[in-house]
């Protein structure tokens, strides 16, 4: 999902991936991925999360010590150019209102103030932003100044 200059892109295929660590030589190794095809493009987070969960159920196997997992959206298209499903398409108007309300609440109360229940309430981990590389190509504020 990409939001830039008022245009919204959507995805028709979230990709789930799980990997074990190549450094754990004494542990069973596994590296798998799958693509979940949607009936039409969407930028509705609730639909993308359900698709990612379906991919996770398909891939997950107990007994592995996974060290990396991710979901990537591919086949991005502009919403106004995304073809609609003939039958059983998504309710884009409802989804747009819901996502706008979610974005507005997070803009007002701070990032992550309102999330989907699927994201969980208690998170035992946290992204370490202080170790992130500067984003020179995507954020003007990260450009070095002289």
N, C-alpha and C. Protein backbone atom coordinates (compact mmCIF):
# COMPACT_ATOMS: atom_id res chain seq x y z
N UNK A 1 0.84 -1.15 0.00
CA UNK A 1 0.00 0.00 0.00
C UNK A 1 0.90 1.23 0.00
N UNK A 2 0.73 2.11 -0.93
CA UNK A 2 1.56 3.30 -1.03
C UNK A 2 0.66 4.52 -1.04
N UNK A 3 0.93 5.47 -0.17
CA UNK A 3 0.17 6.70 -0.14
C UNK A 3 1.13 7.84 -0.42
N UNK A 4 0.93 8.51 -1.52
CA UNK A 4 1.81 9.63 -1.86
C UNK A 4 1.02 10.64 -2.68
N UNK A 5 1.24 11.89 -2.44
CA UNK A 5 0.63 13.01 -3.15
C UNK A 5 -0.85 12.80 -3.48
N UNK A 6 -1.60 12.25 -2.52
CA UNK A 6 -3.03 12.09 -2.72
C UNK A 6 -3.44 10.87 -3.50
N UNK A 7 -2.51 10.18 -4.16
CA UNK A 7 -2.88 8.97 -4.90
C UNK A 7 -2.67 7.76 -4.00
N UNK A 8 -3.55 6.80 -4.14
CA UNK A 8 -3.47 5.60 -3.32
C UNK A 8 -3.30 4.40 -4.23
N UNK A 9 -2.34 3.58 -3.92
CA UNK A 9 -2.12 2.36 -4.68
C UNK A 9 -2.64 1.19 -3.89
N UNK A 10 -2.88 0.11 -4.59
CA UNK A 10 -3.42 -1.06 -3.94
C UNK A 10 -2.72 -2.30 -4.45
N UNK A 11 -2.97 -3.40 -3.78
CA UNK A 11 -2.31 -4.65 -4.11
C UNK A 11 -3.33 -5.73 -4.41
N UNK A 12 -2.98 -6.61 -5.33
CA UNK A 12 -3.80 -7.78 -5.61
C UNK A 12 -3.16 -9.04 -5.07
N UNK A 13 -1.97 -8.93 -4.47
CA UNK A 13 -1.27 -10.14 -4.06
C UNK A 13 -0.28 -9.89 -2.93
N UNK A 14 -0.72 -10.02 -1.65
CA UNK A 14 0.27 -9.98 -0.58
C UNK A 14 1.10 -11.26 -0.57
N UNK A 15 2.39 -11.14 -0.26
CA UNK A 15 3.29 -12.29 -0.22
C UNK A 15 3.76 -12.48 1.22
N UNK A 16 3.58 -13.70 1.77
CA UNK A 16 4.06 -14.05 3.10
C UNK A 16 5.38 -14.81 2.95
N UNK A 17 6.31 -14.59 3.88
CA UNK A 17 7.57 -15.33 3.85
C UNK A 17 8.06 -15.57 5.27
N UNK A 18 8.64 -16.76 5.49
CA UNK A 18 9.22 -17.14 6.78
C UNK A 18 10.56 -17.80 6.53
N UNK A 19 11.53 -17.50 7.40
CA UNK A 19 12.87 -18.08 7.26
C UNK A 19 13.43 -18.42 8.62
N UNK A 20 14.18 -19.49 8.67
CA UNK A 20 14.96 -19.80 9.86
C UNK A 20 16.34 -19.18 9.66
N UNK A 21 17.13 -19.13 10.71
CA UNK A 21 18.45 -18.52 10.63
C UNK A 21 19.46 -19.50 10.05
N UNK A 22 20.19 -19.07 9.04
CA UNK A 22 21.26 -19.90 8.46
C UNK A 22 22.40 -20.10 9.45
N UNK A 23 22.45 -19.27 10.48
CA UNK A 23 23.52 -19.36 11.48
C UNK A 23 23.25 -20.44 12.53
N UNK A 24 22.00 -20.87 12.64
CA UNK A 24 21.65 -21.95 13.58
C UNK A 24 21.81 -23.28 12.87
N UNK A 25 23.05 -23.70 12.70
CA UNK A 25 23.34 -24.93 11.95
C UNK A 25 22.77 -26.18 12.60
N UNK A 26 22.62 -26.16 13.92
CA UNK A 26 22.11 -27.33 14.63
C UNK A 26 20.58 -27.40 14.65
N UNK A 27 19.92 -26.39 14.10
CA UNK A 27 18.45 -26.35 14.06
C UNK A 27 17.94 -26.72 12.66
N UNK A 28 16.72 -27.29 12.56
CA UNK A 28 16.15 -27.57 11.24
C UNK A 28 15.97 -26.26 10.46
N UNK A 29 16.27 -26.31 9.17
CA UNK A 29 16.22 -25.11 8.32
C UNK A 29 14.94 -25.10 7.48
N UNK A 30 14.41 -23.92 7.27
CA UNK A 30 13.21 -23.78 6.44
C UNK A 30 13.14 -22.36 5.91
N UNK A 31 12.84 -22.23 4.63
CA UNK A 31 12.64 -20.94 3.99
C UNK A 31 11.48 -21.10 3.01
N UNK A 32 10.36 -20.46 3.31
CA UNK A 32 9.16 -20.63 2.49
C UNK A 32 8.50 -19.29 2.23
N UNK A 33 7.77 -19.23 1.13
CA UNK A 33 6.96 -18.05 0.84
C UNK A 33 5.77 -18.47 0.01
N UNK A 34 4.75 -17.65 0.02
CA UNK A 34 3.56 -17.90 -0.78
C UNK A 34 2.94 -16.57 -1.17
N UNK A 35 2.23 -16.59 -2.27
CA UNK A 35 1.48 -15.42 -2.72
C UNK A 35 0.00 -15.72 -2.57
N UNK A 36 -0.72 -14.81 -1.96
CA UNK A 36 -2.16 -14.95 -1.78
C UNK A 36 -2.83 -14.04 -2.80
N UNK A 37 -3.50 -14.62 -3.78
CA UNK A 37 -4.16 -13.83 -4.82
C UNK A 37 -5.51 -13.32 -4.32
N UNK A 38 -5.73 -12.03 -4.47
CA UNK A 38 -7.02 -11.43 -4.13
C UNK A 38 -7.86 -11.30 -5.39
N UNK A 39 -9.18 -11.26 -5.23
CA UNK A 39 -10.06 -11.19 -6.40
C UNK A 39 -9.97 -9.85 -7.12
N UNK A 40 -9.53 -8.82 -6.40
CA UNK A 40 -9.30 -7.51 -7.00
C UNK A 40 -8.36 -6.73 -6.09
N UNK A 41 -7.80 -5.67 -6.61
CA UNK A 41 -6.87 -4.85 -5.83
C UNK A 41 -7.60 -4.17 -4.68
N UNK A 42 -6.89 -4.00 -3.58
CA UNK A 42 -7.46 -3.31 -2.43
C UNK A 42 -6.37 -2.58 -1.66
N UNK A 43 -6.76 -1.52 -0.98
CA UNK A 43 -5.87 -0.84 -0.05
C UNK A 43 -6.48 -0.87 1.35
N UNK A 44 -7.44 -1.77 1.54
CA UNK A 44 -8.11 -1.95 2.83
C UNK A 44 -7.25 -2.87 3.69
N UNK A 45 -6.72 -2.33 4.77
CA UNK A 45 -5.82 -3.08 5.64
C UNK A 45 -6.49 -4.34 6.19
N UNK A 46 -7.79 -4.27 6.48
CA UNK A 46 -8.46 -5.45 7.04
C UNK A 46 -8.43 -6.62 6.06
N UNK A 47 -8.61 -6.35 4.78
CA UNK A 47 -8.58 -7.40 3.76
C UNK A 47 -7.16 -7.92 3.58
N UNK A 48 -6.17 -7.02 3.56
CA UNK A 48 -4.78 -7.43 3.41
C UNK A 48 -4.30 -8.26 4.60
N UNK A 49 -4.76 -7.93 5.82
CA UNK A 49 -4.39 -8.70 7.00
C UNK A 49 -5.00 -10.10 6.92
N UNK A 50 -6.26 -10.19 6.51
CA UNK A 50 -6.89 -11.52 6.37
C UNK A 50 -6.16 -12.37 5.34
N UNK A 51 -5.73 -11.75 4.24
CA UNK A 51 -4.98 -12.48 3.22
C UNK A 51 -3.62 -12.94 3.76
N UNK A 52 -2.95 -12.07 4.52
CA UNK A 52 -1.66 -12.43 5.11
C UNK A 52 -1.83 -13.57 6.12
N UNK A 53 -2.91 -13.53 6.89
CA UNK A 53 -3.18 -14.62 7.84
C UNK A 53 -3.42 -15.93 7.12
N UNK A 54 -4.12 -15.89 5.99
CA UNK A 54 -4.37 -17.11 5.20
C UNK A 54 -3.04 -17.68 4.71
N UNK A 55 -2.14 -16.81 4.26
CA UNK A 55 -0.82 -17.26 3.83
C UNK A 55 -0.02 -17.85 4.98
N UNK A 56 -0.13 -17.23 6.15
CA UNK A 56 0.59 -17.72 7.33
C UNK A 56 0.09 -19.11 7.73
N UNK A 57 -1.23 -19.31 7.71
CA UNK A 57 -1.78 -20.63 8.04
C UNK A 57 -1.30 -21.69 7.06
N UNK A 58 -1.16 -21.30 5.81
CA UNK A 58 -0.70 -22.24 4.77
C UNK A 58 0.77 -22.61 4.97
N UNK A 59 1.60 -21.66 5.38
CA UNK A 59 3.05 -21.87 5.45
C UNK A 59 3.55 -22.40 6.79
N UNK A 60 2.93 -22.00 7.87
CA UNK A 60 3.48 -22.25 9.20
C UNK A 60 3.59 -23.73 9.52
N UNK A 61 4.70 -24.12 10.06
CA UNK A 61 4.92 -25.48 10.56
C UNK A 61 5.60 -25.37 11.91
N UNK A 62 5.07 -26.07 12.90
CA UNK A 62 5.69 -26.09 14.22
C UNK A 62 7.02 -26.84 14.14
N UNK A 63 7.88 -26.57 15.11
CA UNK A 63 9.15 -27.28 15.18
C UNK A 63 10.31 -26.53 14.55
N UNK A 64 10.06 -25.35 14.02
CA UNK A 64 11.13 -24.53 13.43
C UNK A 64 11.32 -23.28 14.26
N UNK A 65 12.54 -22.83 14.33
CA UNK A 65 12.87 -21.61 15.05
C UNK A 65 13.01 -20.48 14.03
N UNK A 66 11.87 -19.91 13.66
CA UNK A 66 11.87 -18.85 12.66
C UNK A 66 12.57 -17.61 13.19
N UNK A 67 13.38 -16.99 12.35
CA UNK A 67 14.08 -15.78 12.76
C UNK A 67 13.66 -14.57 11.94
N UNK A 68 12.93 -14.80 10.86
CA UNK A 68 12.52 -13.69 10.01
C UNK A 68 11.17 -14.02 9.39
N UNK A 69 10.30 -13.03 9.38
CA UNK A 69 8.99 -13.19 8.76
C UNK A 69 8.61 -11.86 8.14
N UNK A 70 7.82 -11.89 7.10
CA UNK A 70 7.42 -10.64 6.49
C UNK A 70 6.26 -10.81 5.54
N UNK A 71 5.62 -9.69 5.26
CA UNK A 71 4.55 -9.63 4.26
C UNK A 71 4.89 -8.48 3.33
N UNK A 72 4.88 -8.75 2.05
CA UNK A 72 5.18 -7.75 1.04
C UNK A 72 3.98 -7.65 0.11
N UNK A 73 3.59 -6.43 -0.24
CA UNK A 73 2.52 -6.27 -1.21
C UNK A 73 3.14 -6.07 -2.58
N UNK A 74 2.61 -6.79 -3.55
CA UNK A 74 3.11 -6.70 -4.92
C UNK A 74 1.95 -6.38 -5.85
N UNK A 75 2.25 -6.20 -7.13
CA UNK A 75 1.23 -5.85 -8.12
C UNK A 75 0.49 -4.57 -7.73
N UNK A 76 1.25 -3.55 -7.34
CA UNK A 76 0.64 -2.29 -6.95
C UNK A 76 0.09 -1.55 -8.17
N UNK A 77 -1.12 -1.06 -8.04
CA UNK A 77 -1.77 -0.28 -9.09
C UNK A 77 -2.49 0.88 -8.44
N UNK A 78 -2.69 1.97 -9.18
CA UNK A 78 -3.45 3.11 -8.67
C UNK A 78 -4.91 2.67 -8.53
N UNK A 79 -5.55 3.06 -7.42
CA UNK A 79 -6.93 2.62 -7.17
C UNK A 79 -7.87 3.01 -8.29
N UNK A 80 -7.69 4.19 -8.87
CA UNK A 80 -8.61 4.61 -9.93
C UNK A 80 -8.38 3.84 -11.23
N UNK A 81 -7.30 3.09 -11.32
CA UNK A 81 -7.03 2.28 -12.51
C UNK A 81 -7.16 0.77 -12.24
N UNK A 82 -7.46 0.41 -11.01
CA UNK A 82 -7.55 -1.00 -10.64
C UNK A 82 -8.86 -1.59 -11.17
N UNK A 83 -8.77 -2.69 -11.91
CA UNK A 83 -10.00 -3.31 -12.41
C UNK A 83 -10.83 -3.88 -11.26
N UNK A 84 -12.15 -3.85 -11.42
CA UNK A 84 -13.07 -4.39 -10.42
C UNK A 84 -13.42 -5.82 -10.75
N UNK A 85 -13.70 -6.61 -9.72
CA UNK A 85 -14.17 -7.98 -9.91
C UNK A 85 -15.61 -7.93 -10.43
N UNK A 86 -15.93 -8.82 -11.32
CA UNK A 86 -17.29 -8.86 -11.87
C UNK A 86 -18.27 -9.33 -10.81
N UNK A 87 -17.89 -10.35 -10.02
CA UNK A 87 -18.74 -10.88 -8.96
C UNK A 87 -17.95 -10.93 -7.66
N UNK A 88 -18.61 -10.61 -6.54
CA UNK A 88 -18.00 -10.77 -5.23
C UNK A 88 -16.86 -9.83 -4.94
N UNK A 89 -16.88 -8.62 -5.50
CA UNK A 89 -15.81 -7.67 -5.25
C UNK A 89 -15.88 -7.08 -3.85
N UNK A 90 -14.84 -6.37 -3.46
CA UNK A 90 -14.78 -5.74 -2.14
C UNK A 90 -15.62 -4.47 -2.13
N UNK A 91 -16.09 -4.10 -0.95
CA UNK A 91 -16.83 -2.85 -0.77
C UNK A 91 -15.80 -1.74 -0.58
N UNK A 92 -15.34 -1.16 -1.67
CA UNK A 92 -14.27 -0.16 -1.61
C UNK A 92 -14.68 1.09 -0.85
N UNK A 93 -15.93 1.49 -0.98
CA UNK A 93 -16.39 2.71 -0.31
C UNK A 93 -16.35 2.54 1.22
N UNK A 94 -16.85 1.40 1.71
CA UNK A 94 -16.82 1.11 3.15
C UNK A 94 -15.38 1.04 3.63
N UNK A 95 -14.54 0.32 2.88
CA UNK A 95 -13.14 0.19 3.26
C UNK A 95 -12.42 1.54 3.29
N UNK A 96 -12.74 2.40 2.32
CA UNK A 96 -12.11 3.73 2.27
C UNK A 96 -12.50 4.56 3.48
N UNK A 97 -13.76 4.50 3.88
CA UNK A 97 -14.21 5.25 5.07
C UNK A 97 -13.51 4.73 6.33
N UNK A 98 -13.42 3.42 6.45
CA UNK A 98 -12.78 2.82 7.62
C UNK A 98 -11.29 3.18 7.68
N UNK A 99 -10.59 3.07 6.55
CA UNK A 99 -9.16 3.39 6.53
C UNK A 99 -8.93 4.88 6.78
N UNK A 100 -9.82 5.75 6.27
CA UNK A 100 -9.70 7.19 6.53
C UNK A 100 -9.88 7.49 8.01
N UNK A 101 -10.83 6.81 8.65
CA UNK A 101 -11.05 7.02 10.09
C UNK A 101 -9.85 6.53 10.89
N UNK A 102 -9.29 5.39 10.51
CA UNK A 102 -8.11 4.85 11.17
C UNK A 102 -6.92 5.81 11.03
N UNK A 103 -6.70 6.30 9.80
CA UNK A 103 -5.60 7.24 9.54
C UNK A 103 -5.79 8.54 10.31
N UNK A 104 -7.03 9.04 10.36
CA UNK A 104 -7.30 10.30 11.07
C UNK A 104 -7.05 10.14 12.57
N UNK A 105 -7.48 9.02 13.14
CA UNK A 105 -7.25 8.79 14.58
C UNK A 105 -5.77 8.69 14.88
N UNK A 106 -5.01 8.00 14.03
CA UNK A 106 -3.57 7.89 14.24
C UNK A 106 -2.85 9.21 14.02
N UNK A 107 -3.34 10.04 13.10
CA UNK A 107 -2.74 11.36 12.89
C UNK A 107 -2.98 12.24 14.12
N UNK A 108 -4.16 12.11 14.71
CA UNK A 108 -4.51 12.95 15.85
C UNK A 108 -3.86 12.47 17.15
N UNK A 109 -3.86 11.15 17.39
CA UNK A 109 -3.42 10.63 18.68
C UNK A 109 -2.04 9.97 18.66
N UNK A 110 -1.42 9.92 17.47
CA UNK A 110 -0.07 9.35 17.37
C UNK A 110 -0.06 8.00 16.68
N UNK A 111 1.07 7.72 16.04
CA UNK A 111 1.24 6.49 15.28
C UNK A 111 0.96 5.26 16.15
N UNK A 112 0.11 4.38 15.65
CA UNK A 112 -0.20 3.15 16.36
C UNK A 112 -1.24 3.29 17.46
N UNK A 113 -1.85 4.49 17.61
CA UNK A 113 -2.87 4.66 18.64
C UNK A 113 -4.07 3.76 18.37
N UNK A 114 -4.43 3.61 17.11
CA UNK A 114 -5.52 2.73 16.72
C UNK A 114 -4.97 1.71 15.73
N UNK A 115 -5.10 0.43 16.07
CA UNK A 115 -4.62 -0.64 15.20
C UNK A 115 -5.70 -1.70 15.09
N UNK A 116 -5.51 -2.63 14.18
CA UNK A 116 -6.41 -3.75 14.07
C UNK A 116 -6.15 -4.72 15.21
N UNK A 117 -7.17 -5.41 15.67
CA UNK A 117 -7.01 -6.37 16.76
C UNK A 117 -6.02 -7.47 16.38
N UNK A 118 -5.91 -7.79 15.10
CA UNK A 118 -4.98 -8.83 14.64
C UNK A 118 -3.53 -8.47 14.95
N UNK A 119 -3.25 -7.18 15.16
CA UNK A 119 -1.88 -6.74 15.47
C UNK A 119 -1.51 -7.07 16.91
N UNK A 120 -2.50 -7.39 17.74
CA UNK A 120 -2.24 -7.73 19.13
C UNK A 120 -2.19 -6.50 20.00
N UNK A 121 -2.41 -6.71 21.28
CA UNK A 121 -2.42 -5.59 22.24
C UNK A 121 -1.05 -5.48 22.91
N UNK A 122 -0.56 -6.60 23.43
CA UNK A 122 0.76 -6.61 24.07
C UNK A 122 1.76 -7.14 23.07
N UNK A 123 2.77 -6.34 22.77
CA UNK A 123 3.80 -6.74 21.83
C UNK A 123 5.11 -6.94 22.58
N UNK A 124 5.62 -8.18 22.58
CA UNK A 124 6.86 -8.44 23.31
C UNK A 124 8.10 -7.90 22.60
N UNK A 125 7.92 -7.36 21.42
CA UNK A 125 9.05 -6.85 20.65
C UNK A 125 8.70 -5.45 20.17
N UNK A 126 9.71 -4.74 19.76
CA UNK A 126 9.53 -3.39 19.25
C UNK A 126 10.58 -3.11 18.19
N UNK A 127 10.20 -2.43 17.14
CA UNK A 127 11.15 -2.07 16.09
C UNK A 127 12.18 -1.10 16.67
N UNK A 128 13.44 -1.32 16.35
CA UNK A 128 14.51 -0.46 16.85
C UNK A 128 14.84 0.60 15.80
N UNK A 129 14.10 1.69 15.85
CA UNK A 129 14.28 2.75 14.87
C UNK A 129 15.61 3.47 15.02
N UNK A 130 16.20 3.44 16.22
CA UNK A 130 17.46 4.17 16.41
C UNK A 130 18.60 3.54 15.62
N UNK A 131 18.44 2.29 15.16
CA UNK A 131 19.49 1.63 14.39
C UNK A 131 19.22 1.67 12.89
N UNK A 132 18.16 2.34 12.49
CA UNK A 132 17.78 2.42 11.08
C UNK A 132 18.71 3.37 10.33
N UNK A 133 19.05 3.00 9.12
CA UNK A 133 19.89 3.86 8.27
C UNK A 133 19.11 5.10 7.86
N UNK A 134 19.80 6.21 7.62
CA UNK A 134 19.10 7.40 7.14
C UNK A 134 18.40 7.12 5.81
N UNK A 135 17.26 7.76 5.63
CA UNK A 135 16.46 7.55 4.42
C UNK A 135 16.63 8.73 3.47
N UNK A 136 17.85 8.89 2.96
CA UNK A 136 18.18 10.02 2.11
C UNK A 136 17.30 10.11 0.87
N UNK A 137 16.93 8.97 0.31
CA UNK A 137 16.20 8.99 -0.97
C UNK A 137 14.70 9.16 -0.80
N UNK A 138 14.19 9.05 0.41
CA UNK A 138 12.75 9.13 0.59
C UNK A 138 12.30 10.19 1.58
N UNK A 139 13.23 10.82 2.29
CA UNK A 139 12.85 11.79 3.30
C UNK A 139 13.83 12.96 3.27
N UNK A 140 13.33 14.13 2.91
CA UNK A 140 14.19 15.31 2.83
C UNK A 140 14.84 15.66 4.16
N UNK A 141 14.14 15.41 5.26
CA UNK A 141 14.70 15.74 6.57
C UNK A 141 15.91 14.89 6.92
N UNK A 142 16.13 13.78 6.24
CA UNK A 142 17.28 12.93 6.52
C UNK A 142 18.51 13.29 5.69
N UNK A 143 18.36 14.23 4.77
CA UNK A 143 19.51 14.66 3.98
C UNK A 143 20.52 15.38 4.86
N UNK A 144 21.80 15.08 4.71
CA UNK A 144 22.79 15.79 5.52
C UNK A 144 22.89 17.26 5.10
N UNK A 145 23.10 18.12 6.05
CA UNK A 145 23.27 19.54 5.72
C UNK A 145 24.68 19.98 6.07
N UNK A 146 25.17 20.94 5.34
CA UNK A 146 26.54 21.44 5.57
C UNK A 146 26.53 22.72 6.33
